[in-house]
N, C-alpha and C. Protein backbone atom coordinates (compact mmCIF):
# COMPACT_ATOMS: atom_id res chain seq x y z
N MET A 1 6.41 -5.17 10.77
CA MET A 1 5.71 -6.14 11.61
C MET A 1 6.75 -6.95 12.37
N LEU A 2 6.71 -6.88 13.68
CA LEU A 2 7.73 -7.52 14.51
C LEU A 2 7.73 -9.04 14.41
N ILE A 3 6.58 -9.63 14.18
CA ILE A 3 6.52 -11.10 14.06
C ILE A 3 7.40 -11.54 12.91
N LEU A 4 7.26 -10.89 11.77
CA LEU A 4 8.07 -11.24 10.60
C LEU A 4 9.55 -11.00 10.87
N ARG A 5 9.86 -9.92 11.54
CA ARG A 5 11.26 -9.61 11.86
C ARG A 5 11.88 -10.68 12.76
N VAL A 6 11.14 -11.10 13.77
CA VAL A 6 11.65 -12.15 14.67
C VAL A 6 11.92 -13.43 13.89
N LEU A 7 10.96 -13.84 13.06
CA LEU A 7 11.15 -15.06 12.28
C LEU A 7 12.34 -14.93 11.33
N GLU A 8 12.47 -13.78 10.67
CA GLU A 8 13.59 -13.56 9.75
C GLU A 8 14.92 -13.60 10.49
N LYS A 9 15.01 -12.94 11.63
CA LYS A 9 16.25 -12.91 12.42
C LYS A 9 16.61 -14.29 12.94
N ARG A 10 15.60 -15.13 13.15
CA ARG A 10 15.85 -16.49 13.62
C ARG A 10 16.14 -17.44 12.47
N GLY A 11 16.10 -16.92 11.22
CA GLY A 11 16.42 -17.74 10.06
C GLY A 11 15.31 -18.67 9.63
N ILE A 12 14.07 -18.33 10.00
CA ILE A 12 12.92 -19.18 9.66
C ILE A 12 12.30 -18.68 8.36
N ASP A 13 12.11 -19.61 7.43
CA ASP A 13 11.49 -19.30 6.15
C ASP A 13 10.04 -18.90 6.37
N ILE A 14 9.61 -17.85 5.68
CA ILE A 14 8.22 -17.37 5.82
C ILE A 14 7.55 -17.47 4.45
N PRO A 15 6.72 -18.49 4.26
CA PRO A 15 6.00 -18.61 2.99
C PRO A 15 5.10 -17.40 2.76
N GLU A 16 4.83 -17.07 1.51
CA GLU A 16 4.03 -15.91 1.18
C GLU A 16 2.65 -15.97 1.83
N THR A 17 2.06 -17.17 1.92
CA THR A 17 0.73 -17.29 2.54
C THR A 17 0.78 -16.91 4.02
N ALA A 18 1.84 -17.32 4.71
CA ALA A 18 2.00 -16.97 6.13
C ALA A 18 2.25 -15.47 6.27
N ARG A 19 3.08 -14.92 5.39
CA ARG A 19 3.38 -13.48 5.42
C ARG A 19 2.09 -12.67 5.25
N GLU A 20 1.26 -13.07 4.30
CA GLU A 20 0.00 -12.36 4.05
C GLU A 20 -0.95 -12.49 5.23
N ARG A 21 -0.99 -13.68 5.82
CA ARG A 21 -1.88 -13.90 6.97
C ARG A 21 -1.47 -13.02 8.15
N ILE A 22 -0.19 -12.91 8.37
CA ILE A 22 0.32 -12.09 9.47
C ILE A 22 0.05 -10.61 9.21
N THR A 23 0.38 -10.14 8.02
CA THR A 23 0.25 -8.71 7.73
C THR A 23 -1.20 -8.25 7.60
N SER A 24 -2.10 -9.17 7.31
CA SER A 24 -3.51 -8.77 7.16
C SER A 24 -4.31 -8.89 8.46
N CYS A 25 -3.72 -9.51 9.48
CA CYS A 25 -4.43 -9.68 10.75
C CYS A 25 -4.53 -8.35 11.50
N THR A 26 -5.72 -8.07 12.02
CA THR A 26 -5.92 -6.84 12.78
C THR A 26 -6.32 -7.10 14.23
N ASP A 27 -6.42 -8.36 14.62
CA ASP A 27 -6.81 -8.72 15.98
C ASP A 27 -5.57 -8.72 16.89
N LEU A 28 -5.54 -7.81 17.85
CA LEU A 28 -4.36 -7.67 18.70
C LEU A 28 -4.08 -8.90 19.55
N ASP A 29 -5.10 -9.57 20.01
CA ASP A 29 -4.89 -10.79 20.81
C ASP A 29 -4.23 -11.87 19.97
N THR A 30 -4.67 -12.01 18.73
CA THR A 30 -4.09 -13.01 17.84
C THR A 30 -2.65 -12.63 17.51
N LEU A 31 -2.41 -11.37 17.21
CA LEU A 31 -1.04 -10.93 16.91
C LEU A 31 -0.11 -11.15 18.10
N THR A 32 -0.61 -10.90 19.30
CA THR A 32 0.20 -11.13 20.51
C THR A 32 0.53 -12.60 20.66
N LEU A 33 -0.46 -13.46 20.43
CA LEU A 33 -0.24 -14.90 20.49
C LEU A 33 0.81 -15.33 19.47
N TRP A 34 0.66 -14.86 18.24
CA TRP A 34 1.61 -15.20 17.18
C TRP A 34 3.01 -14.68 17.49
N PHE A 35 3.10 -13.47 18.05
CA PHE A 35 4.41 -12.93 18.42
C PHE A 35 5.07 -13.83 19.45
N ASP A 36 4.32 -14.19 20.49
CA ASP A 36 4.88 -15.07 21.53
C ASP A 36 5.36 -16.38 20.92
N ARG A 37 4.59 -16.94 20.02
CA ARG A 37 4.97 -18.20 19.36
C ARG A 37 6.17 -18.01 18.45
N SER A 38 6.33 -16.82 17.87
CA SER A 38 7.45 -16.58 16.96
C SER A 38 8.79 -16.68 17.68
N LEU A 39 8.78 -16.51 18.98
CA LEU A 39 10.03 -16.56 19.75
C LEU A 39 10.59 -17.97 19.86
N THR A 40 9.73 -18.99 19.72
CA THR A 40 10.18 -20.38 19.89
C THR A 40 9.86 -21.28 18.70
N ALA A 41 9.09 -20.80 17.74
CA ALA A 41 8.67 -21.62 16.61
C ALA A 41 9.87 -22.06 15.77
N THR A 42 9.77 -23.24 15.18
CA THR A 42 10.80 -23.71 14.27
C THR A 42 10.36 -23.61 12.81
N ALA A 43 9.07 -23.27 12.61
CA ALA A 43 8.52 -23.05 11.27
C ALA A 43 7.40 -22.02 11.40
N ALA A 44 7.23 -21.20 10.38
CA ALA A 44 6.21 -20.15 10.43
C ALA A 44 4.81 -20.71 10.67
N GLU A 45 4.54 -21.89 10.15
CA GLU A 45 3.21 -22.49 10.29
C GLU A 45 2.85 -22.78 11.74
N GLU A 46 3.85 -22.90 12.59
CA GLU A 46 3.60 -23.16 14.02
C GLU A 46 2.88 -21.99 14.69
N LEU A 47 2.99 -20.81 14.13
CA LEU A 47 2.31 -19.66 14.72
C LEU A 47 0.80 -19.86 14.76
N PHE A 48 0.29 -20.55 13.75
CA PHE A 48 -1.16 -20.65 13.55
C PHE A 48 -1.79 -21.89 14.16
N ALA A 49 -1.03 -22.83 14.65
CA ALA A 49 -1.56 -24.09 15.17
C ALA A 49 -2.41 -23.87 16.42
N ASP A 50 -3.63 -24.36 16.38
CA ASP A 50 -4.53 -24.33 17.53
C ASP A 50 -4.79 -22.93 18.08
N GLY A 51 -4.60 -21.92 17.24
CA GLY A 51 -4.82 -20.55 17.68
C GLY A 51 -6.24 -20.10 17.38
N PRO A 52 -6.59 -18.93 17.84
CA PRO A 52 -7.94 -18.42 17.63
C PRO A 52 -8.28 -18.16 16.16
N ASP A 53 -7.23 -18.08 15.32
CA ASP A 53 -7.45 -17.84 13.90
C ASP A 53 -7.29 -19.11 13.09
N ASP A 54 -7.19 -20.26 13.78
CA ASP A 54 -7.00 -21.55 13.12
C ASP A 54 -8.34 -22.04 12.57
N PRO A 55 -8.46 -22.20 11.24
CA PRO A 55 -9.73 -22.60 10.65
C PRO A 55 -10.12 -24.05 10.90
N SER A 56 -9.22 -24.87 11.40
CA SER A 56 -9.57 -26.29 11.61
C SER A 56 -10.29 -26.55 12.91
């Protein structure tokens, strides 16, 4: 999964809950959004903020 690779290469810690959320997602639009965010995020949780998969 490229999102995880980008975060790892950038030295960003990926909590198990975030890892599971990323690997279990099957929506391509959401994955694309998360990938784009992974390029600039400073924490894995930033991928999910205000996104289409955000439960809040």
